[in-house]
Amino acid sequence: YKIEGFITVNGDKQNELEKHIPCLGNIE
């Protein structure tokens, strides 16, 4: 697994996870 980032389902930013990998946006 080479984690490129994460996206959220509910649109809210997840600050804790953002400390490790970038937030790319939302599910849309």
PDB file of all heavy atoms in Angstrom:
ATOM      1  N   TYR A   1       0.837  -1.202   0.000  1.00  0.00           N
ATOM      2  CA  TYR A   1       0.000   0.000   0.000  1.00  0.00           C
ATOM      3  C   TYR A   1       0.873   1.254   0.000  1.00  0.00           C
ATOM      4  O   TYR A   1       1.694   1.456   0.891  1.00  0.00           O
ATOM      5  CB  TYR A   1      -0.912   0.032   1.230  1.00  0.00           C
ATOM      6  CG  TYR A   1      -1.884  -1.110   1.320  1.00  0.00           C
ATOM      7  CD1 TYR A   1      -1.825  -2.023   2.361  1.00  0.00           C
ATOM      8  CD2 TYR A   1      -2.875  -1.262   0.359  1.00  0.00           C
ATOM      9  CE1 TYR A   1      -2.719  -3.062   2.451  1.00  0.00           C
ATOM     10  CE2 TYR A   1      -3.779  -2.308   0.435  1.00  0.00           C
ATOM     11  CZ  TYR A   1      -3.699  -3.209   1.485  1.00  0.00           C
ATOM     12  OH  TYR A   1      -4.589  -4.236   1.562  1.00  0.00           O
ATOM     13  N   LYS A   2       0.682   2.106  -0.982  1.00  0.00           N
ATOM     14  CA  LYS A   2       1.362   3.396  -1.062  1.00  0.00           C
ATOM     15  C   LYS A   2       0.280   4.473  -0.947  1.00  0.00           C
ATOM     16  O   LYS A   2      -0.343   4.856  -1.928  1.00  0.00           O
ATOM     17  CB  LYS A   2       2.118   3.515  -2.389  1.00  0.00           C
ATOM     18  CG  LYS A   2       2.884   4.817  -2.552  1.00  0.00           C
ATOM     19  CD  LYS A   2       3.533   4.874  -3.927  1.00  0.00           C
ATOM     20  CE  LYS A   2       4.219   6.216  -4.133  1.00  0.00           C
ATOM     21  NZ  LYS A   2       4.773   6.323  -5.515  1.00  0.00           N
ATOM     22  N   ILE A   3       0.043   4.941   0.270  1.00  0.00           N
ATOM     23  CA  ILE A   3      -1.066   5.848   0.548  1.00  0.00           C
ATOM     24  C   ILE A   3      -0.822   7.206  -0.100  1.00  0.00           C
ATOM     25  O   ILE A   3       0.143   7.906   0.221  1.00  0.00           O
ATOM     26  CB  ILE A   3      -1.288   6.022   2.067  1.00  0.00           C
ATOM     27  CG1 ILE A   3      -1.365   4.661   2.775  1.00  0.00           C
ATOM     28  CG2 ILE A   3      -2.538   6.849   2.320  1.00  0.00           C
ATOM     29  CD1 ILE A   3      -2.528   3.821   2.362  1.00  0.00           C
ATOM     30  N   GLU A   4      -1.703   7.584  -1.033  1.00  0.00           N
ATOM     31  CA  GLU A   4      -1.584   8.870  -1.720  1.00  0.00           C
ATOM     32  C   GLU A   4      -2.343   9.977  -1.002  1.00  0.00           C
ATOM     33  O   GLU A   4      -2.062  11.159  -1.190  1.00  0.00           O
ATOM     34  CB  GLU A   4      -2.119   8.742  -3.152  1.00  0.00           C
ATOM     35  CG  GLU A   4      -1.345   7.772  -4.025  1.00  0.00           C
ATOM     36  CD  GLU A   4       0.036   8.290  -4.403  1.00  0.00           C
ATOM     37  OE1 GLU A   4       0.256   9.518  -4.307  1.00  0.00           O
ATOM     38  OE2 GLU A   4       0.887   7.477  -4.777  1.00  0.00           O
ATOM     39  N   GLY A   5      -3.320   9.606  -0.187  1.00  0.00           N
ATOM     40  CA  GLY A   5      -4.127  10.595   0.516  1.00  0.00           C
ATOM     41  C   GLY A   5      -5.466   9.994   0.893  1.00  0.00           C
ATOM     42  O   GLY A   5      -5.684   8.787   0.769  1.00  0.00           O
ATOM     43  N   PHE A   6      -6.363  10.845   1.374  1.00  0.00           N
ATOM     44  CA  PHE A   6      -7.691  10.365   1.736  1.00  0.00           C
ATOM     45  C   PHE A   6      -8.737  11.387   1.302  1.00  0.00           C
ATOM     46  O   PHE A   6      -8.444  12.564   1.081  1.00  0.00           O
ATOM     47  CB  PHE A   6      -7.786  10.107   3.243  1.00  0.00           C
ATOM     48  CG  PHE A   6      -7.882  11.355   4.082  1.00  0.00           C
ATOM     49  CD1 PHE A   6      -9.101  11.842   4.509  1.00  0.00           C
ATOM     50  CD2 PHE A   6      -6.733  12.042   4.463  1.00  0.00           C
ATOM     51  CE1 PHE A   6      -9.200  12.987   5.287  1.00  0.00           C
ATOM     52  CE2 PHE A   6      -6.807  13.191   5.253  1.00  0.00           C
ATOM     53  CZ  PHE A   6      -8.043  13.670   5.661  1.00  0.00           C
ATOM     54  N   ILE A   7      -9.960  10.886   1.148  1.00  0.00           N
ATOM     55  CA  ILE A   7     -11.090  11.771   0.882  1.00  0.00           C
ATOM     56  C   ILE A   7     -12.173  11.460   1.903  1.00  0.00           C
ATOM     57  O   ILE A   7     -12.242  10.340   2.427  1.00  0.00           O
ATOM     58  CB  ILE A   7     -11.638  11.621  -0.556  1.00  0.00           C
ATOM     59  CG1 ILE A   7     -12.163  10.214  -0.814  1.00  0.00           C
ATOM     60  CG2 ILE A   7     -10.581  11.984  -1.580  1.00  0.00           C
ATOM     61  CD1 ILE A   7     -12.798  10.059  -2.172  1.00  0.00           C
ATOM     62  N   THR A   8     -12.998  12.437   2.173  1.00  0.00           N
ATOM     63  CA  THR A   8     -14.022  12.281   3.198  1.00  0.00           C
ATOM     64  C   THR A   8     -15.385  12.017   2.573  1.00  0.00           C
ATOM     65  O   THR A   8     -15.660  12.449   1.454  1.00  0.00           O
ATOM     66  CB  THR A   8     -14.110  13.535   4.082  1.00  0.00           C
ATOM     67  OG1 THR A   8     -14.480  14.656   3.264  1.00  0.00           O
ATOM     68  CG2 THR A   8     -12.773  13.812   4.742  1.00  0.00           C
ATOM     69  N   VAL A   9     -16.222  11.323   3.320  1.00  0.00           N
ATOM     70  CA  VAL A   9     -17.578  11.016   2.862  1.00  0.00           C
ATOM     71  C   VAL A   9     -18.534  12.150   3.209  1.00  0.00           C
ATOM     72  O   VAL A   9     -19.380  12.540   2.405  1.00  0.00           O
ATOM     73  CB  VAL A   9     -18.074   9.694   3.491  1.00  0.00           C
ATOM     74  CG1 VAL A   9     -19.550   9.480   3.196  1.00  0.00           C
ATOM     75  CG2 VAL A   9     -17.253   8.531   2.953  1.00  0.00           C
ATOM     76  N   ASN A  10     -18.382  12.704   4.404  1.00  0.00           N
ATOM     77  CA  ASN A  10     -19.316  13.727   4.872  1.00  0.00           C
ATOM     78  C   ASN A  10     -18.849  15.153   4.593  1.00  0.00           C
ATOM     79  O   ASN A  10     -19.512  16.115   4.955  1.00  0.00           O
ATOM     80  CB  ASN A  10     -19.586  13.559   6.372  1.00  0.00           C
ATOM     81  CG  ASN A  10     -18.288  13.413   7.166  1.00  0.00           C
ATOM     82  OD1 ASN A  10     -17.236  13.889   6.738  1.00  0.00           O
ATOM     83  ND2 ASN A  10     -18.377  12.741   8.299  1.00  0.00           N
ATOM     84  N   GLY A  11     -17.686  15.301   3.971  1.00  0.00           N
ATOM     85  CA  GLY A  11     -17.212  16.628   3.615  1.00  0.00           C
ATOM     86  C   GLY A  11     -16.424  17.331   4.696  1.00  0.00           C
ATOM     87  O   GLY A  11     -15.824  18.381   4.458  1.00  0.00           O
ATOM     88  N   ASP A  12     -16.401  16.790   5.911  1.00  0.00           N
ATOM     89  CA  ASP A  12     -15.659  17.412   7.007  1.00  0.00           C
ATOM     90  C   ASP A  12     -14.181  17.039   6.928  1.00  0.00           C
ATOM     91  O   ASP A  12     -13.819  15.920   6.582  1.00  0.00           O
ATOM     92  CB  ASP A  12     -16.217  16.943   8.360  1.00  0.00           C
ATOM     93  CG  ASP A  12     -17.664  17.363   8.535  1.00  0.00           C
ATOM     94  OD1 ASP A  12     -18.039  18.399   7.949  1.00  0.00           O
ATOM     95  OD2 ASP A  12     -18.400  16.654   9.254  1.00  0.00           O
ATOM     96  N   LYS A  13     -13.328  17.977   7.258  1.00  0.00           N
ATOM     97  CA  LYS A  13     -11.900  17.690   7.313  1.00  0.00           C
ATOM     98  C   LYS A  13     -11.589  16.880   8.564  1.00  0.00           C
ATOM     99  O   LYS A  13     -12.166  17.107   9.617  1.00  0.00           O
ATOM    100  CB  LYS A  13     -11.093  18.982   7.318  1.00  0.00           C
ATOM    101  CG  LYS A  13     -11.123  19.726   5.992  1.00  0.00           C
ATOM    102  CD  LYS A  13     -10.165  20.899   6.011  1.00  0.00           C
ATOM    103  CE  LYS A  13     -10.125  21.579   4.641  1.00  0.00           C
ATOM    104  NZ  LYS A  13      -9.187  22.727   4.633  1.00  0.00           N
ATOM    105  N   GLN A  14     -10.673  15.941   8.428  1.00  0.00           N
ATOM    106  CA  GLN A  14     -10.301  15.100   9.552  1.00  0.00           C
ATOM    107  C   GLN A  14      -8.870  15.468   9.948  1.00  0.00           C
ATOM    108  O   GLN A  14      -7.905  14.974   9.373  1.00  0.00           O
ATOM    109  CB  GLN A  14     -10.435  13.636   9.190  1.00  0.00           C
ATOM    110  CG  GLN A  14     -11.856  13.298   8.704  1.00  0.00           C
ATOM    111  CD  GLN A  14     -12.042  11.832   8.404  1.00  0.00           C
ATOM    112  OE1 GLN A  14     -11.450  10.996   9.067  1.00  0.00           O
ATOM    113  NE2 GLN A  14     -12.875  11.534   7.424  1.00  0.00           N
ATOM    114  N   ASN A  15      -8.758  16.376  10.906  1.00  0.00           N
ATOM    115  CA  ASN A  15      -7.470  16.971  11.247  1.00  0.00           C
ATOM    116  C   ASN A  15      -6.439  15.944  11.674  1.00  0.00           C
ATOM    117  O   ASN A  15      -5.259  16.074  11.357  1.00  0.00           O
ATOM    118  CB  ASN A  15      -7.655  18.013  12.353  1.00  0.00           C
ATOM    119  CG  ASN A  15      -8.513  19.189  11.884  1.00  0.00           C
ATOM    120  OD1 ASN A  15      -8.455  19.557  10.722  1.00  0.00           O
ATOM    121  ND2 ASN A  15      -9.308  19.747  12.779  1.00  0.00           N
ATOM    122  N   GLU A  16      -6.869  14.936  12.412  1.00  0.00           N
ATOM    123  CA  GLU A  16      -5.921  13.946  12.910  1.00  0.00           C
ATOM    124  C   GLU A  16      -5.270  13.168  11.768  1.00  0.00           C
ATOM    125  O   GLU A  16      -4.066  12.944  11.761  1.00  0.00           O
ATOM    126  CB  GLU A  16      -6.642  12.985  13.865  1.00  0.00           C
ATOM    127  CG  GLU A  16      -5.729  12.034  14.620  1.00  0.00           C
ATOM    128  CD  GLU A  16      -4.781  12.757  15.565  1.00  0.00           C
ATOM    129  OE1 GLU A  16      -5.152  13.833  16.083  1.00  0.00           O
ATOM    130  OE2 GLU A  16      -3.665  12.229  15.767  1.00  0.00           O
ATOM    131  N   LEU A  17      -6.076  12.745  10.796  1.00  0.00           N
ATOM    132  CA  LEU A  17      -5.546  11.999   9.664  1.00  0.00           C
ATOM    133  C   LEU A  17      -4.711  12.896   8.758  1.00  0.00           C
ATOM    134  O   LEU A  17      -3.755  12.451   8.120  1.00  0.00           O
ATOM    135  CB  LEU A  17      -6.688  11.351   8.872  1.00  0.00           C
ATOM    136  CG  LEU A  17      -6.311  10.321   7.804  1.00  0.00           C
ATOM    137  CD1 LEU A  17      -5.474   9.195   8.404  1.00  0.00           C
ATOM    138  CD2 LEU A  17      -7.556   9.753   7.146  1.00  0.00           C
ATOM    139  N   GLU A  18      -5.057  14.191   8.708  1.00  0.00           N
ATOM    140  CA  GLU A  18      -4.308  15.137   7.872  1.00  0.00           C
ATOM    141  C   GLU A  18      -2.883  15.342   8.364  1.00  0.00           C
ATOM    142  O   GLU A  18      -2.030  15.838   7.626  1.00  0.00           O
ATOM    143  CB  GLU A  18      -5.029  16.487   7.818  1.00  0.00           C
ATOM    144  CG  GLU A  18      -6.138  16.528   6.786  1.00  0.00           C
ATOM    145  CD  GLU A  18      -6.653  17.939   6.568  1.00  0.00           C
ATOM    146  OE1 GLU A  18      -7.226  18.505   7.511  1.00  0.00           O
ATOM    147  OE2 GLU A  18      -6.469  18.458   5.449  1.00  0.00           O
ATOM    148  N   LYS A  19      -2.614  14.967   9.584  1.00  0.00           N
ATOM    149  CA  LYS A  19      -1.249  15.071  10.093  1.00  0.00           C
ATOM    150  C   LYS A  19      -0.326  14.074   9.409  1.00  0.00           C
ATOM    151  O   LYS A  19       0.894  14.238   9.404  1.00  0.00           O
ATOM    152  CB  LYS A  19      -1.236  14.826  11.607  1.00  0.00           C
ATOM    153  CG  LYS A  19      -1.964  15.891  12.421  1.00  0.00           C
ATOM    154  CD  LYS A  19      -1.944  15.536  13.887  1.00  0.00           C
ATOM    155  CE  LYS A  19      -2.704  16.576  14.724  1.00  0.00           C
ATOM    156  NZ  LYS A  19      -2.720  16.216  16.171  1.00  0.00           N
ATOM    157  N   HIS A  20      -0.930  13.031   8.832  1.00  0.00           N
ATOM    158  CA  HIS A  20      -0.141  11.953   8.228  1.00  0.00           C
ATOM    159  C   HIS A  20      -0.187  11.980   6.699  1.00  0.00           C
ATOM    160  O   HIS A  20       0.839  11.771   6.039  1.00  0.00           O
ATOM    161  CB  HIS A  20      -0.644  10.595   8.723  1.00  0.00           C
ATOM    162  CG  HIS A  20      -0.694  10.463  10.211  1.00  0.00           C
ATOM    163  ND1 HIS A  20       0.442  10.284  10.977  1.00  0.00           N
ATOM    164  CD2 HIS A  20      -1.738  10.504  11.079  1.00  0.00           C
ATOM    165  CE1 HIS A  20       0.104  10.192  12.250  1.00  0.00           C
ATOM    166  NE2 HIS A  20      -1.229  10.327  12.342  1.00  0.00           N
ATOM    167  N   ILE A  21      -1.374  12.183   6.145  1.00  0.00           N
ATOM    168  CA  ILE A  21      -1.546  12.154   4.682  1.00  0.00           C
ATOM    169  C   ILE A  21      -2.458  13.298   4.266  1.00  0.00           C
ATOM    170  O   ILE A  21      -3.285  13.758   5.059  1.00  0.00           O
ATOM    171  CB  ILE A  21      -2.137  10.800   4.213  1.00  0.00           C
ATOM    172  CG1 ILE A  21      -3.411  10.461   4.993  1.00  0.00           C
ATOM    173  CG2 ILE A  21      -1.115   9.688   4.311  1.00  0.00           C
ATOM    174  CD1 ILE A  21      -4.089   9.190   4.542  1.00  0.00           C
ATOM    175  N   PRO A  22      -2.332  13.770   3.030  1.00  0.00           N
ATOM    176  CA  PRO A  22      -3.144  14.919   2.602  1.00  0.00           C
ATOM    177  C   PRO A  22      -4.608  14.556   2.372  1.00  0.00           C
ATOM    178  O   PRO A  22      -4.931  13.445   1.961  1.00  0.00           O
ATOM    179  CB  PRO A  22      -2.482  15.334   1.286  1.00  0.00           C
ATOM    180  CG  PRO A  22      -1.827  14.090   0.775  1.00  0.00           C
ATOM    181  CD  PRO A  22      -1.371  13.350   2.004  1.00  0.00           C
ATOM    182  N   CYS A  23      -5.485  15.513   2.647  1.00  0.00           N
ATOM    183  CA  CYS A  23      -6.899  15.371   2.333  1.00  0.00           C
ATOM    184  C   CYS A  23      -7.111  15.875   0.907  1.00  0.00           C
ATOM    185  O   CYS A  23      -6.813  17.024   0.582  1.00  0.00           O
ATOM    186  CB  CYS A  23      -7.748  16.171   3.321  1.00  0.00           C
ATOM    187  SG  CYS A  23      -9.520  16.080   2.968  1.00  0.00           S
ATOM    188  N   LEU A  24      -7.615  15.005   0.042  1.00  0.00           N
ATOM    189  CA  LEU A  24      -7.764  15.340  -1.381  1.00  0.00           C
ATOM    190  C   LEU A  24      -9.119  15.946  -1.707  1.00  0.00           C
ATOM    191  O   LEU A  24      -9.316  16.452  -2.817  1.00  0.00           O
ATOM    192  CB  LEU A  24      -7.532  14.092  -2.230  1.00  0.00           C
ATOM    193  CG  LEU A  24      -6.176  13.392  -2.042  1.00  0.00           C
ATOM    194  CD1 LEU A  24      -6.115  12.125  -2.869  1.00  0.00           C
ATOM    195  CD2 LEU A  24      -5.026  14.333  -2.413  1.00  0.00           C
ATOM    196  N   GLY A  25     -10.065  15.871  -0.785  1.00  0.00           N
ATOM    197  CA  GLY A  25     -11.387  16.428  -1.063  1.00  0.00           C
ATOM    198  C   GLY A  25     -12.481  15.528  -0.531  1.00  0.00           C
ATOM    199  O   GLY A  25     -12.298  14.837   0.475  1.00  0.00           O
ATOM    200  N   ASN A  26     -13.623  15.516  -1.233  1.00  0.00           N
ATOM    201  CA  ASN A  26     -14.750  14.705  -0.775  1.00  0.00           C
ATOM    202  C   ASN A  26     -15.162  13.693  -1.835  1.00  0.00           C
ATOM    203  O   ASN A  26     -14.621  13.657  -2.940  1.00  0.00           O
ATOM    204  CB  ASN A  26     -15.936  15.591  -0.378  1.00  0.00           C
ATOM    205  CG  ASN A  26     -16.357  16.518  -1.508  1.00  0.00           C
ATOM    206  OD1 ASN A  26     -16.592  16.081  -2.630  1.00  0.00           O
ATOM    207  ND2 ASN A  26     -16.432  17.811  -1.222  1.00  0.00           N
ATOM    208  N   ILE A  27     -16.162  12.908  -1.470  1.00  0.00           N
ATOM    209  CA  ILE A  27     -16.562  11.746  -2.266  1.00  0.00           C
ATOM    210  C   ILE A  27     -17.106  12.115  -3.639  1.00  0.00           C
ATOM    211  O   ILE A  27     -17.085  11.293  -4.563  1.00  0.00           O
ATOM    212  CB  ILE A  27     -17.613  10.924  -1.483  1.00  0.00           C
ATOM    213  CG1 ILE A  27     -17.770   9.516  -2.083  1.00  0.00           C
ATOM    214  CG2 ILE A  27     -18.946  11.643  -1.431  1.00  0.00           C
ATOM    215  CD1 ILE A  27     -16.581   8.659  -1.888  1.00  0.00           C
ATOM    216  N   GLU A  28     -17.575  13.334  -3.816  1.00  0.00           N
ATOM    217  CA  GLU A  28     -18.195  13.742  -5.078  1.00  0.00           C
ATOM    218  C   GLU A  28     -17.211  13.684  -6.248  1.00  0.00           C
ATOM    219  O   GLU A  28     -17.613  13.516  -7.390  1.00  0.00           O
ATOM    220  CB  GLU A  28     -18.772  15.149  -4.950  1.00  0.00           C
ATOM    221  CG  GLU A  28     -19.953  15.235  -3.980  1.00  0.00           C
ATOM    222  CD  GLU A  28     -20.455  16.651  -3.830  1.00  0.00           C
ATOM    223  OE1 GLU A  28     -19.863  17.555  -4.474  1.00  0.00           O
ATOM    224  OE2 GLU A  28     -21.430  16.860  -3.079  1.00  0.00           O
TER     225      GLU A  28
END
